Amino acid sequence: MRFMLKSKIHRARITESNLNYEGSISIDTALMEKADLVPYEMVHVYNISNGERFSTYVIPGKKGEIGLNGAAARKGMKGDLVIITAYTLMAEEEIKGHRPKLVFVDENNAIVRVED
């Protein structure tokens, strides 16, 4: 078994940080759908702007929203660019044809293109 990239939202922009929330990352529901993410799924977040890397879980957000909540709010600020990834465990025989879902967004977190 190997951990493989399942999906990625590339260069999304943080729209808000809410330190007084219990924790997670809020992601636009359209982005969640295109990236094959479900509520409470674990994701890894890589902050391009400051180098921070952390894991958290997804909650549905409003259109265009990428919000850091709770402790994650300390890992980035409004305007930072992030890469959001999810991984899956696959058997060797599943890997050969595997292609992750890659979601590319513009400066407003609107979907520009999807590759899979």
PDB file of N, CA and C in Angstrom:
ATOM      1  N   MET A   1       0.852  -1.189   0.000  1.00  0.00           N
ATOM      2  CA  MET A   1       0.000   0.000   0.000  1.00  0.00           C
ATOM      3  C   MET A   1       0.896   1.249   0.000  1.00  0.00           C
ATOM      4  N   ARG A   2       0.412   2.252  -0.742  1.00  0.00           N
ATOM      5  CA  ARG A   2       1.133   3.523  -0.805  1.00  0.00           C
ATOM      6  C   ARG A   2       0.145   4.685  -0.649  1.00  0.00           C
ATOM      7  N   PHE A   3       0.626   5.764  -0.014  1.00  0.00           N
ATOM      8  CA  PHE A   3      -0.166   6.988   0.038  1.00  0.00           C
ATOM      9  C   PHE A   3       0.093   7.751  -1.250  1.00  0.00           C
ATOM     10  N   MET A   4      -0.997   8.083  -1.954  1.00  0.00           N
ATOM     11  CA  MET A   4      -0.904   8.783  -3.236  1.00  0.00           C
ATOM     12  C   MET A   4      -1.741  10.066  -3.178  1.00  0.00           C
ATOM     13  N   LEU A   5      -1.318  11.055  -3.954  1.00  0.00           N
ATOM     14  CA  LEU A   5      -2.093  12.289  -4.056  1.00  0.00           C
ATOM     15  C   LEU A   5      -3.462  11.969  -4.648  1.00  0.00           C
ATOM     16  N   LYS A   6      -4.521  12.335  -3.931  1.00  0.00           N
ATOM     17  CA  LYS A   6      -5.894  12.135  -4.414  1.00  0.00           C
ATOM     18  C   LYS A   6      -6.381  13.374  -5.142  1.00  0.00           C
ATOM     19  N   SER A   7      -6.118  14.544  -4.536  1.00  0.00           N
ATOM     20  CA  SER A   7      -6.597  15.790  -5.134  1.00  0.00           C
ATOM     21  C   SER A   7      -5.801  16.971  -4.609  1.00  0.00           C
ATOM     22  N   LYS A   8      -5.867  18.065  -5.392  1.00  0.00           N
ATOM     23  CA  LYS A   8      -5.131  19.272  -5.021  1.00  0.00           C
ATOM     24  C   LYS A   8      -5.888  20.497  -5.511  1.00  0.00           C
ATOM     25  N   ILE A   9      -5.967  21.505  -4.667  1.00  0.00           N
ATOM     26  CA  ILE A   9      -6.431  22.838  -5.062  1.00  0.00           C
ATOM     27  C   ILE A   9      -5.174  23.696  -5.066  1.00  0.00           C
ATOM     28  N   HIS A  10      -4.816  24.205  -6.240  1.00  0.00           N
ATOM     29  CA  HIS A  10      -3.520  24.847  -6.429  1.00  0.00           C
ATOM     30  C   HIS A  10      -3.597  26.369  -6.400  1.00  0.00           C
ATOM     31  N   ARG A  11      -2.808  26.963  -5.533  1.00  0.00           N
ATOM     32  CA  ARG A  11      -2.649  28.416  -5.404  1.00  0.00           C
ATOM     33  C   ARG A  11      -3.956  29.145  -5.069  1.00  0.00           C
ATOM     34  N   ALA A  12      -4.671  28.577  -4.102  1.00  0.00           N
ATOM     35  CA  ALA A  12      -5.868  29.265  -3.594  1.00  0.00           C
ATOM     36  C   ALA A  12      -5.421  30.410  -2.686  1.00  0.00           C
ATOM     37  N   ARG A  13      -6.258  31.404  -2.566  1.00  0.00           N
ATOM     38  CA  ARG A  13      -5.938  32.574  -1.753  1.00  0.00           C
ATOM     39  C   ARG A  13      -6.769  32.542  -0.467  1.00  0.00           C
ATOM     40  N   ILE A  14      -6.112  32.685   0.675  1.00  0.00           N
ATOM     41  CA  ILE A  14      -6.821  32.745   1.958  1.00  0.00           C
ATOM     42  C   ILE A  14      -7.669  34.007   1.978  1.00  0.00           C
ATOM     43  N   THR A  15      -8.953  33.822   2.296  1.00  0.00           N
ATOM     44  CA  THR A  15      -9.875  34.959   2.320  1.00  0.00           C
ATOM     45  C   THR A  15     -10.177  35.438   3.728  1.00  0.00           C
ATOM     46  N   GLU A  16      -9.917  34.579   4.730  1.00  0.00           N
ATOM     47  CA  GLU A  16     -10.182  34.980   6.115  1.00  0.00           C
ATOM     48  C   GLU A  16      -9.482  34.043   7.088  1.00  0.00           C
ATOM     49  N   SER A  17      -9.252  34.557   8.282  1.00  0.00           N
ATOM     50  CA  SER A  17      -8.710  33.768   9.393  1.00  0.00           C
ATOM     51  C   SER A  17      -9.585  34.039  10.607  1.00  0.00           C
ATOM     52  N   ASN A  18     -10.009  32.970  11.285  1.00  0.00           N
ATOM     53  CA  ASN A  18     -10.883  33.112  12.450  1.00  0.00           C
ATOM     54  C   ASN A  18     -10.299  32.306  13.606  1.00  0.00           C
ATOM     55  N   LEU A  19      -9.507  32.960  14.413  1.00  0.00           N
ATOM     56  CA  LEU A  19      -8.843  32.310  15.542  1.00  0.00           C
ATOM     57  C   LEU A  19      -9.843  31.761  16.560  1.00  0.00           C
ATOM     58  N   ASN A  20     -11.007  32.382  16.694  1.00  0.00           N
ATOM     59  CA  ASN A  20     -11.977  32.001  17.719  1.00  0.00           C
ATOM     60  C   ASN A  20     -12.970  30.942  17.256  1.00  0.00           C
ATOM     61  N   TYR A  21     -12.569  30.120  16.300  1.00  0.00           N
ATOM     62  CA  TYR A  21     -13.384  29.001  15.844  1.00  0.00           C
ATOM     63  C   TYR A  21     -12.684  27.738  16.308  1.00  0.00           C
ATOM     64  N   GLU A  22     -13.401  26.639  16.466  1.00  0.00           N
ATOM     65  CA  GLU A  22     -12.783  25.446  17.048  1.00  0.00           C
ATOM     66  C   GLU A  22     -11.763  24.760  16.159  1.00  0.00           C
ATOM     67  N   GLY A  23     -11.699  25.087  14.891  1.00  0.00           N
ATOM     68  CA  GLY A  23     -10.626  24.567  14.053  1.00  0.00           C
ATOM     69  C   GLY A  23     -11.078  23.981  12.748  1.00  0.00           C
ATOM     70  N   SER A  24     -10.269  24.130  11.694  1.00  0.00           N
ATOM     71  CA  SER A  24     -10.506  23.548  10.381  1.00  0.00           C
ATOM     72  C   SER A  24     -10.113  24.526   9.289  1.00  0.00           C
ATOM     73  N   ILE A  25     -10.421  24.147   8.040  1.00  0.00           N
ATOM     74  CA  ILE A  25     -10.303  25.051   6.898  1.00  0.00           C
ATOM     75  C   ILE A  25     -11.653  25.056   6.178  1.00  0.00           C
ATOM     76  N   SER A  26     -12.186  26.245   5.950  1.00  0.00           N
ATOM     77  CA  SER A  26     -13.436  26.415   5.198  1.00  0.00           C
ATOM     78  C   SER A  26     -13.075  26.534   3.728  1.00  0.00           C
ATOM     79  N   ILE A  27     -13.706  25.704   2.897  1.00  0.00           N
ATOM     80  CA  ILE A  27     -13.429  25.719   1.457  1.00  0.00           C
ATOM     81  C   ILE A  27     -14.746  25.848   0.702  1.00  0.00           C
ATOM     82  N   ASP A  28     -14.751  26.740  -0.279  1.00  0.00           N
ATOM     83  CA  ASP A  28     -15.879  26.920  -1.199  1.00  0.00           C
ATOM     84  C   ASP A  28     -16.404  25.542  -1.603  1.00  0.00           C
ATOM     85  N   THR A  29     -17.714  25.321  -1.487  1.00  0.00           N
ATOM     86  CA  THR A  29     -18.292  24.004  -1.777  1.00  0.00           C
ATOM     87  C   THR A  29     -18.082  23.572  -3.233  1.00  0.00           C
ATOM     88  N   ALA A  30     -18.032  24.513  -4.169  1.00  0.00           N
ATOM     89  CA  ALA A  30     -17.770  24.150  -5.566  1.00  0.00           C
ATOM     90  C   ALA A  30     -16.346  23.612  -5.714  1.00  0.00           C
ATOM     91  N   LEU A  31     -15.407  24.219  -5.000  1.00  0.00           N
ATOM     92  CA  LEU A  31     -14.021  23.718  -5.016  1.00  0.00           C
ATOM     93  C   LEU A  31     -13.941  22.347  -4.366  1.00  0.00           C
ATOM     94  N   MET A  32     -14.672  22.185  -3.263  1.00  0.00           N
ATOM     95  CA  MET A  32     -14.689  20.874  -2.596  1.00  0.00           C
ATOM     96  C   MET A  32     -15.166  19.797  -3.560  1.00  0.00           C
ATOM     97  N   GLU A  33     -16.247  20.082  -4.266  1.00  0.00           N
ATOM     98  CA  GLU A  33     -16.818  19.094  -5.190  1.00  0.00           C
ATOM     99  C   GLU A  33     -15.835  18.745  -6.304  1.00  0.00           C
ATOM    100  N   LYS A  34     -15.244  19.763  -6.927  1.00  0.00           N
ATOM    101  CA  LYS A  34     -14.312  19.515  -8.033  1.00  0.00           C
ATOM    102  C   LYS A  34     -13.057  18.784  -7.571  1.00  0.00           C
ATOM    103  N   ALA A  35     -12.636  19.023  -6.323  1.00  0.00           N
ATOM    104  CA  ALA A  35     -11.440  18.368  -5.781  1.00  0.00           C
ATOM    105  C   ALA A  35     -11.775  17.055  -5.079  1.00  0.00           C
ATOM    106  N   ASP A  36     -13.035  16.648  -5.133  1.00  0.00           N
ATOM    107  CA  ASP A  36     -13.475  15.400  -4.502  1.00  0.00           C
ATOM    108  C   ASP A  36     -13.166  15.381  -2.999  1.00  0.00           C
ATOM    109  N   LEU A  37     -13.496  16.487  -2.329  1.00  0.00           N
ATOM    110  CA  LEU A  37     -13.329  16.594  -0.878  1.00  0.00           C
ATOM    111  C   LEU A  37     -14.699  16.583  -0.214  1.00  0.00           C
ATOM    112  N   VAL A  38     -14.791  15.948   0.936  1.00  0.00           N
ATOM    113  CA  VAL A  38     -16.042  15.897   1.684  1.00  0.00           C
ATOM    114  C   VAL A  38     -15.835  16.542   3.056  1.00  0.00           C
ATOM    115  N   PRO A  39     -16.918  17.013   3.675  1.00  0.00           N
ATOM    116  CA  PRO A  39     -16.788  17.608   5.000  1.00  0.00           C
ATOM    117  C   PRO A  39     -16.093  16.655   5.974  1.00  0.00           C
ATOM    118  N   TYR A  40     -15.197  17.233   6.752  1.00  0.00           N
ATOM    119  CA  TYR A  40     -14.429  16.558   7.804  1.00  0.00           C
ATOM    120  C   TYR A  40     -13.293  15.679   7.279  1.00  0.00           C
ATOM    121  N   GLU A  41     -13.054  15.717   5.963  1.00  0.00           N
ATOM    122  CA  GLU A  41     -11.918  14.977   5.409  1.00  0.00           C
ATOM    123  C   GLU A  41     -10.615  15.695   5.772  1.00  0.00           C
ATOM    124  N   MET A  42      -9.582  14.912   6.065  1.00  0.00           N
ATOM    125  CA  MET A  42      -8.277  15.493   6.385  1.00  0.00           C
ATOM    126  C   MET A  42      -7.626  16.027   5.121  1.00  0.00           C
ATOM    127  N   VAL A  43      -7.044  17.213   5.236  1.00  0.00           N
ATOM    128  CA  VAL A  43      -6.257  17.803   4.153  1.00  0.00           C
ATOM    129  C   VAL A  43      -4.941  18.317   4.723  1.00  0.00           C
ATOM    130  N   HIS A  44      -3.992  18.476   3.826  1.00  0.00           N
ATOM    131  CA  HIS A  44      -2.716  19.095   4.159  1.00  0.00           C
ATOM    132  C   HIS A  44      -2.700  20.442   3.448  1.00  0.00           C
ATOM    133  N   VAL A  45      -2.235  21.459   4.153  1.00  0.00           N
ATOM    134  CA  VAL A  45      -2.208  22.810   3.607  1.00  0.00           C
ATOM    135  C   VAL A  45      -0.761  23.284   3.590  1.00  0.00           C
ATOM    136  N   TYR A  46      -0.328  23.743   2.425  1.00  0.00           N
ATOM    137  CA  TYR A  46       1.033  24.234   2.242  1.00  0.00           C
ATOM    138  C   TYR A  46       0.934  25.715   1.896  1.00  0.00           C
ATOM    139  N   ASN A  47       1.416  26.570   2.792  1.00  0.00           N
ATOM    140  CA  ASN A  47       1.324  28.008   2.590  1.00  0.00           C
ATOM    141  C   ASN A  47       2.516  28.462   1.747  1.00  0.00           C
ATOM    142  N   ILE A  48       2.262  28.838   0.511  1.00  0.00           N
ATOM    143  CA  ILE A  48       3.303  29.288  -0.407  1.00  0.00           C
ATOM    144  C   ILE A  48       3.917  30.595   0.084  1.00  0.00           C
ATOM    145  N   SER A  49       3.117  31.430   0.719  1.00  0.00           N
ATOM    146  CA  SER A  49       3.561  32.761   1.113  1.00  0.00           C
ATOM    147  C   SER A  49       4.527  32.761   2.295  1.00  0.00           C
ATOM    148  N   ASN A  50       4.370  31.808   3.227  1.00  0.00           N
ATOM    149  CA  ASN A  50       5.244  31.841   4.413  1.00  0.00           C
ATOM    150  C   ASN A  50       5.929  30.507   4.732  1.00  0.00           C
ATOM    151  N   GLY A  51       5.656  29.472   3.948  1.00  0.00           N
ATOM    152  CA  GLY A  51       6.316  28.181   4.159  1.00  0.00           C
ATOM    153  C   GLY A  51       5.675  27.280   5.197  1.00  0.00           C
ATOM    154  N   GLU A  52       4.629  27.725   5.866  1.00  0.00           N
ATOM    155  CA  GLU A  52       3.954  26.882   6.865  1.00  0.00           C
ATOM    156  C   GLU A  52       3.301  25.683   6.187  1.00  0.00           C
ATOM    157  N   ARG A  53       3.300  24.541   6.889  1.00  0.00           N
ATOM    158  CA  ARG A  53       2.649  23.320   6.420  1.00  0.00           C
ATOM    159  C   ARG A  53       1.893  22.727   7.602  1.00  0.00           C
ATOM    160  N   PHE A  54       0.636  22.347   7.381  1.00  0.00           N
ATOM    161  CA  PHE A  54      -0.148  21.774   8.473  1.00  0.00           C
ATOM    162  C   PHE A  54      -1.275  20.908   7.936  1.00  0.00           C
ATOM    163  N   SER A  55      -1.823  20.089   8.811  1.00  0.00           N
ATOM    164  CA  SER A  55      -2.971  19.241   8.492  1.00  0.00           C
ATOM    165  C   SER A  55      -4.170  19.719   9.285  1.00  0.00           C
ATOM    166  N   THR A  56      -5.344  19.593   8.695  1.00  0.00           N
ATOM    167  CA  THR A  56      -6.587  19.938   9.365  1.00  0.00           C
ATOM    168  C   THR A  56      -7.716  19.207   8.645  1.00  0.00           C
ATOM    169  N   TYR A  57      -8.949  19.594   8.921  1.00  0.00           N
ATOM    170  CA  TYR A  57     -10.085  18.981   8.245  1.00  0.00           C
ATOM    171  C   TYR A  57     -10.913  20.062   7.556  1.00  0.00           C
ATOM    172  N   VAL A  58     -11.676  19.632   6.555  1.00  0.00           N
ATOM    173  CA  VAL A  58     -12.447  20.533   5.706  1.00  0.00           C
ATOM    174  C   VAL A  58     -13.852  20.741   6.259  1.00  0.00           C
ATOM    175  N   ILE A  59     -14.333  21.983   6.190  1.00  0.00           N
ATOM    176  CA  ILE A  59     -15.753  22.270   6.378  1.00  0.00           C
ATOM    177  C   ILE A  59     -16.205  23.110   5.179  1.00  0.00           C
ATOM    178  N   PRO A  60     -17.477  22.983   4.784  1.00  0.00           N
ATOM    179  CA  PRO A  60     -17.971  23.747   3.634  1.00  0.00           C
ATOM    180  C   PRO A  60     -17.938  25.246   3.891  1.00  0.00           C
ATOM    181  N   GLY A  61     -17.517  25.988   2.873  1.00  0.00           N
ATOM    182  CA  GLY A  61     -17.464  27.441   2.964  1.00  0.00           C
ATOM    183  C   GLY A  61     -18.319  28.098   1.894  1.00  0.00           C
ATOM    184  N   LYS A  62     -18.365  29.403   1.946  1.00  0.00           N
ATOM    185  CA  LYS A  62     -19.126  30.195   0.978  1.00  0.00           C
ATOM    186  C   LYS A  62     -18.364  30.292  -0.345  1.00  0.00           C
ATOM    187  N   LYS A  63     -19.020  30.804  -1.353  1.00  0.00           N
ATOM    188  CA  LYS A  63     -18.413  30.971  -2.669  1.00  0.00           C
ATOM    189  C   LYS A  63     -17.113  31.772  -2.549  1.00  0.00           C
ATOM    190  N   GLY A  64     -16.038  31.216  -3.079  1.00  0.00           N
ATOM    191  CA  GLY A  64     -14.738  31.877  -3.077  1.00  0.00           C
ATOM    192  C   GLY A  64     -13.966  31.790  -1.774  1.00  0.00           C
ATOM    193  N   GLU A  65     -14.558  31.193  -0.756  1.00  0.00           N
ATOM    194  CA  GLU A  65     -13.936  31.183   0.579  1.00  0.00           C
ATOM    195  C   GLU A  65     -12.852  30.116   0.731  1.00  0.00           C
ATOM    196  N   ILE A  66     -11.743  30.542   1.286  1.00  0.00           N
ATOM    197  CA  ILE A  66     -10.709  29.668   1.821  1.00  0.00           C
ATOM    198  C   ILE A  66     -10.388  30.286   3.180  1.00  0.00           C
ATOM    199  N   GLY A  67     -10.948  29.717   4.239  1.00  0.00           N
ATOM    200  CA  GLY A  67     -10.820  30.310   5.565  1.00  0.00           C
ATOM    201  C   GLY A  67     -10.060  29.413   6.527  1.00  0.00           C
ATOM    202  N   LEU A  68      -9.094  29.989   7.212  1.00  0.00           N
ATOM    203  CA  LEU A  68      -8.368  29.249   8.243  1.00  0.00           C
ATOM    204  C   LEU A  68      -9.037  29.516   9.579  1.00  0.00           C
ATOM    205  N   ASN A  69      -9.349  28.442  10.297  1.00  0.00           N
ATOM    206  CA  ASN A  69     -10.109  28.546  11.541  1.00  0.00           C
ATOM    207  C   ASN A  69      -9.340  27.939  12.702  1.00  0.00           C
ATOM    208  N   GLY A  70      -9.571  28.478  13.906  1.00  0.00           N
ATOM    209  CA  GLY A  70      -8.931  27.950  15.107  1.00  0.00           C
ATOM    210  C   GLY A  70      -7.424  28.085  15.024  1.00  0.00           C
ATOM    211  N   ALA A  71      -6.711  27.060  15.479  1.00  0.00           N
ATOM    212  CA  ALA A  71      -5.245  27.094  15.488  1.00  0.00           C
ATOM    213  C   ALA A  71      -4.662  27.324  14.094  1.00  0.00           C
ATOM    214  N   ALA A  72      -5.343  26.827  13.059  1.00  0.00           N
ATOM    215  CA  ALA A  72      -4.861  27.010  11.685  1.00  0.00           C
ATOM    216  C   ALA A  72      -4.779  28.491  11.306  1.00  0.00           C
ATOM    217  N   ALA A  73      -5.563  29.337  11.969  1.00  0.00           N
ATOM    218  CA  ALA A  73      -5.548  30.766  11.677  1.00  0.00           C
ATOM    219  C   ALA A  73      -4.181  31.390  11.966  1.00  0.00           C
ATOM    220  N   ARG A  74      -3.385  30.729  12.780  1.00  0.00           N
ATOM    221  CA  ARG A  74      -2.029  31.210  13.077  1.00  0.00           C
ATOM    222  C   ARG A  74      -1.037  30.844  11.970  1.00  0.00           C
ATOM    223  N   LYS A  75      -1.460  29.991  11.031  1.00  0.00           N
ATOM    224  CA  LYS A  75      -0.564  29.477   9.991  1.00  0.00           C
ATOM    225  C   LYS A  75      -0.614  30.270   8.698  1.00  0.00           C
ATOM    226  N   GLY A  76      -1.506  31.254   8.622  1.00  0.00           N
ATOM    227  CA  GLY A  76      -1.603  32.064   7.417  1.00  0.00           C
ATOM    228  C   GLY A  76      -2.518  33.251   7.643  1.00  0.00           C
ATOM    229  N   MET A  77      -2.446  34.187   6.717  1.00  0.00           N
ATOM    230  CA  MET A  77      -3.285  35.372   6.827  1.00  0.00           C
ATOM    231  C   MET A  77      -3.962  35.673   5.502  1.00  0.00           C
ATOM    232  N   LYS A  78      -4.963  36.510   5.565  1.00  0.00           N
ATOM    233  CA  LYS A  78      -5.715  36.894   4.371  1.00  0.00           C
ATOM    234  C   LYS A  78      -4.748  37.324   3.274  1.00  0.00           C
ATOM    235  N   GLY A  79      -4.951  36.762   2.073  1.00  0.00           N
ATOM    236  CA  GLY A  79      -4.110  37.096   0.935  1.00  0.00           C
ATOM    237  C   GLY A  79      -3.007  36.091   0.652  1.00  0.00           C
ATOM    238  N   ASP A  80      -2.645  35.266   1.646  1.00  0.00           N
ATOM    239  CA  ASP A  80      -1.618  34.243   1.425  1.00  0.00           C
ATOM    240  C   ASP A  80      -2.095  33.233   0.388  1.00  0.00           C
ATOM    241  N   LEU A  81      -1.157  32.705  -0.390  1.00  0.00           N
ATOM    242  CA  LEU A  81      -1.456  31.646  -1.349  1.00  0.00           C
ATOM    243  C   LEU A  81      -1.151  30.296  -0.723  1.00  0.00           C
ATOM    244  N   VAL A  82      -2.056  29.335  -0.933  1.00  0.00           N
ATOM    245  CA  VAL A  82      -1.890  28.002  -0.363  1.00  0.00           C
ATOM    246  C   VAL A  82      -2.167  26.927  -1.408  1.00  0.00           C
ATOM    247  N   ILE A  83      -1.600  25.763  -1.153  1.00  0.00           N
ATOM    248  CA  ILE A  83      -1.920  24.554  -1.894  1.00  0.00           C
ATOM    249  C   ILE A  83      -2.599  23.629  -0.898  1.00  0.00           C
ATOM    250  N   ILE A  84      -3.759  23.112  -1.246  1.00  0.00           N
ATOM    251  CA  ILE A  84      -4.527  22.230  -0.366  1.00  0.00           C
ATOM    252  C   ILE A  84      -4.537  20.851  -1.012  1.00  0.00           C
ATOM    253  N   THR A  85      -4.081  19.835  -0.288  1.00  0.00           N
ATOM    254  CA  THR A  85      -3.990  18.495  -0.849  1.00  0.00           C
ATOM    255  C   THR A  85      -4.695  17.470   0.031  1.00  0.00           C
ATOM    256  N   ALA A  86      -5.147  16.409  -0.617  1.00  0.00           N
ATOM    257  CA  ALA A  86      -5.691  15.244   0.085  1.00  0.00           C
ATOM    258  C   ALA A  86      -5.014  14.016  -0.516  1.00  0.00           C
ATOM    259  N   TYR A  87      -4.791  13.024   0.320  1.00  0.00           N
ATOM    260  CA  TYR A  87      -4.103  11.804  -0.102  1.00  0.00           C
ATOM    261  C   TYR A  87      -5.004  10.597   0.127  1.00  0.00           C
ATOM    262  N   THR A  88      -4.702   9.516  -0.568  1.00  0.00           N
ATOM    263  CA  THR A  88      -5.454   8.282  -0.413  1.00  0.00           C
ATOM    264  C   THR A  88      -4.482   7.110  -0.359  1.00  0.00           C
ATOM    265  N   LEU A  89      -4.875   6.070   0.319  1.00  0.00           N
ATOM    266  CA  LEU A  89      -4.067   4.862   0.416  1.00  0.00           C
ATOM    267  C   LEU A  89      -4.492   3.917  -0.705  1.00  0.00           C
ATOM    268  N   MET A  90      -3.527   3.454  -1.507  1.00  0.00           N
ATOM    269  CA  MET A  90      -3.839   2.613  -2.661  1.00  0.00           C
ATOM    270  C   MET A  90      -2.956   1.378  -2.681  1.00  0.00           C
ATOM    271  N   ALA A  91      -3.542   0.292  -3.155  1.00  0.00           N
ATOM    272  CA  ALA A  91      -2.780  -0.932  -3.370  1.00  0.00           C
ATOM    273  C   ALA A  91      -1.936  -0.752  -4.636  1.00  0.00           C
ATOM    274  N   GLU A  92      -0.853  -1.482  -4.719  1.00  0.00           N
ATOM    275  CA  GLU A  92       0.055  -1.381  -5.873  1.00  0.00           C
ATOM    276  C   GLU A  92      -0.675  -1.516  -7.203  1.00  0.00           C
ATOM    277  N   GLU A  93      -1.634  -2.436  -7.289  1.00  0.00           N
ATOM    278  CA  GLU A  93      -2.333  -2.660  -8.555  1.00  0.00           C
ATOM    279  C   GLU A  93      -3.254  -1.499  -8.945  1.00  0.00           C
ATOM    280  N   GLU A  94      -3.618  -0.634  -8.002  1.00  0.00           N
ATOM    281  CA  GLU A  94      -4.472   0.521  -8.289  1.00  0.00           C
ATOM    282  C   GLU A  94      -3.676   1.714  -8.810  1.00  0.00           C
ATOM    283  N   ILE A  95      -2.398   1.750  -8.539  1.00  0.00           N
ATOM    284  CA  ILE A  95      -1.578   2.928  -8.805  1.00  0.00           C
ATOM    285  C   ILE A  95      -1.382   3.189 -10.293  1.00  0.00           C
ATOM    286  N   LYS A  96      -1.237   2.159 -11.086  1.00  0.00           N
ATOM    287  CA  LYS A  96      -0.876   2.303 -12.500  1.00  0.00           C
ATOM    288  C   LYS A  96      -1.751   3.312 -13.250  1.00  0.00           C
ATOM    289  N   GLY A  97      -3.043   3.250 -13.125  1.00  0.00           N
ATOM    290  CA  GLY A  97      -3.926   4.156 -13.844  1.00  0.00           C
ATOM    291  C   GLY A  97      -4.371   5.365 -13.045  1.00  0.00           C
ATOM    292  N   HIS A  98      -3.832   5.535 -11.853  1.00  0.00           N
ATOM    293  CA  HIS A  98      -4.282   6.621 -10.969  1.00  0.00           C
ATOM    294  C   HIS A  98      -3.873   7.994 -11.490  1.00  0.00           C
ATOM    295  N   ARG A  99      -4.818   8.920 -11.469  1.00  0.00           N
ATOM    296  CA  ARG A  99      -4.562  10.323 -11.773  1.00  0.00           C
ATOM    297  C   ARG A  99      -5.300  11.155 -10.734  1.00  0.00           C
ATOM    298  N   PRO A 100      -4.591  12.008 -10.027  1.00  0.00           N
ATOM    299  CA  PRO A 100      -5.264  12.857  -9.034  1.00  0.00           C
ATOM    300  C   PRO A 100      -6.095  13.943  -9.711  1.00  0.00           C
ATOM    301  N   LYS A 101      -7.063  14.468  -8.968  1.00  0.00           N
ATOM    302  CA  LYS A 101      -7.846  15.615  -9.445  1.00  0.00           C
ATOM    303  C   LYS A 101      -7.058  16.867  -9.073  1.00  0.00           C
ATOM    304  N   LEU A 102      -6.775  17.678 -10.066  1.00  0.00           N
ATOM    305  CA  LEU A 102      -6.030  18.918  -9.857  1.00  0.00           C
ATOM    306  C   LEU A 102      -6.932  20.087 -10.212  1.00  0.00           C
ATOM    307  N   VAL A 103      -7.176  20.961  -9.236  1.00  0.00           N
ATOM    308  CA  VAL A 103      -8.071  22.101  -9.431  1.00  0.00           C
ATOM    309  C   VAL A 103      -7.229  23.378  -9.368  1.00  0.00           C
ATOM    310  N   PHE A 104      -7.252  24.135 -10.447  1.00  0.00           N
ATOM    311  CA  PHE A 104      -6.501  25.377 -10.539  1.00  0.00           C
ATOM    312  C   PHE A 104      -7.476  26.539 -10.427  1.00  0.00           C
ATOM    313  N   VAL A 105      -7.117  27.531  -9.619  1.00  0.00           N
ATOM    314  CA  VAL A 105      -8.015  28.663  -9.363  1.00  0.00           C
ATOM    315  C   VAL A 105      -7.331  29.983  -9.704  1.00  0.00           C
ATOM    316  N   ASP A 106      -8.155  31.023  -9.858  1.00  0.00           N
ATOM    317  CA  ASP A 106      -7.620  32.364 -10.102  1.00  0.00           C
ATOM    318  C   ASP A 106      -7.467  33.113  -8.777  1.00  0.00           C
ATOM    319  N   GLU A 107      -7.191  34.396  -8.843  1.00  0.00           N
ATOM    320  CA  GLU A 107      -6.940  35.197  -7.629  1.00  0.00           C
ATOM    321  C   GLU A 107      -8.170  35.343  -6.735  1.00  0.00           C
ATOM    322  N   ASN A 108      -9.368  35.003  -7.248  1.00  0.00           N
ATOM    323  CA  ASN A 108     -10.594  35.053  -6.448  1.00  0.00           C
ATOM    324  C   ASN A 108     -11.093  33.662  -6.065  1.00  0.00           C
ATOM    325  N   ASN A 109     -10.247  32.663  -6.238  1.00  0.00           N
ATOM    326  CA  ASN A 109     -10.568  31.262  -5.945  1.00  0.00           C
ATOM    327  C   ASN A 109     -11.652  30.694  -6.842  1.00  0.00           C
ATOM    328  N   ALA A 110     -11.838  31.300  -8.018  1.00  0.00           N
ATOM    329  CA  ALA A 110     -12.757  30.752  -9.018  1.00  0.00           C
ATOM    330  C   ALA A 110     -11.999  29.703  -9.827  1.00  0.00           C
ATOM    331  N   ILE A 111     -12.680  28.649 -10.180  1.00  0.00           N
ATOM    332  CA  ILE A 111     -12.052  27.553 -10.908  1.00  0.00           C
ATOM    333  C   ILE A 111     -11.673  28.001 -12.315  1.00  0.00           C
ATOM    334  N   VAL A 112     -10.394  27.797 -12.655  1.00  0.00           N
ATOM    335  CA  VAL A 112      -9.890  28.107 -13.982  1.00  0.00           C
ATOM    336  C   VAL A 112      -9.881  26.854 -14.840  1.00  0.00           C
ATOM    337  N   ARG A 113      -9.399  25.747 -14.256  1.00  0.00           N
ATOM    338  CA  ARG A 113      -9.421  24.470 -14.969  1.00  0.00           C
ATOM    339  C   ARG A 113      -9.275  23.331 -13.972  1.00  0.00           C
ATOM    340  N   VAL A 114      -9.706  22.155 -14.426  1.00  0.00           N
ATOM    341  CA  VAL A 114      -9.614  20.943 -13.625  1.00  0.00           C
ATOM    342  C   VAL A 114      -8.947  19.880 -14.480  1.00  0.00           C
ATOM    343  N   GLU A 115      -7.969  19.193 -13.904  1.00  0.00           N
ATOM    344  CA  GLU A 115      -7.308  18.087 -14.593  1.00  0.00           C
ATOM    345  C   GLU A 115      -7.479  16.839 -13.760  1.00  0.00           C
ATOM    346  N   ASP A 116      -7.699  15.716 -14.443  1.00  0.00           N
ATOM    347  CA  ASP A 116      -7.723  14.431 -13.726  1.00  0.00           C
ATOM    348  C   ASP A 116      -7.380  13.299 -14.668  1.00  0.00           C
TER     349      ASP A 116
END
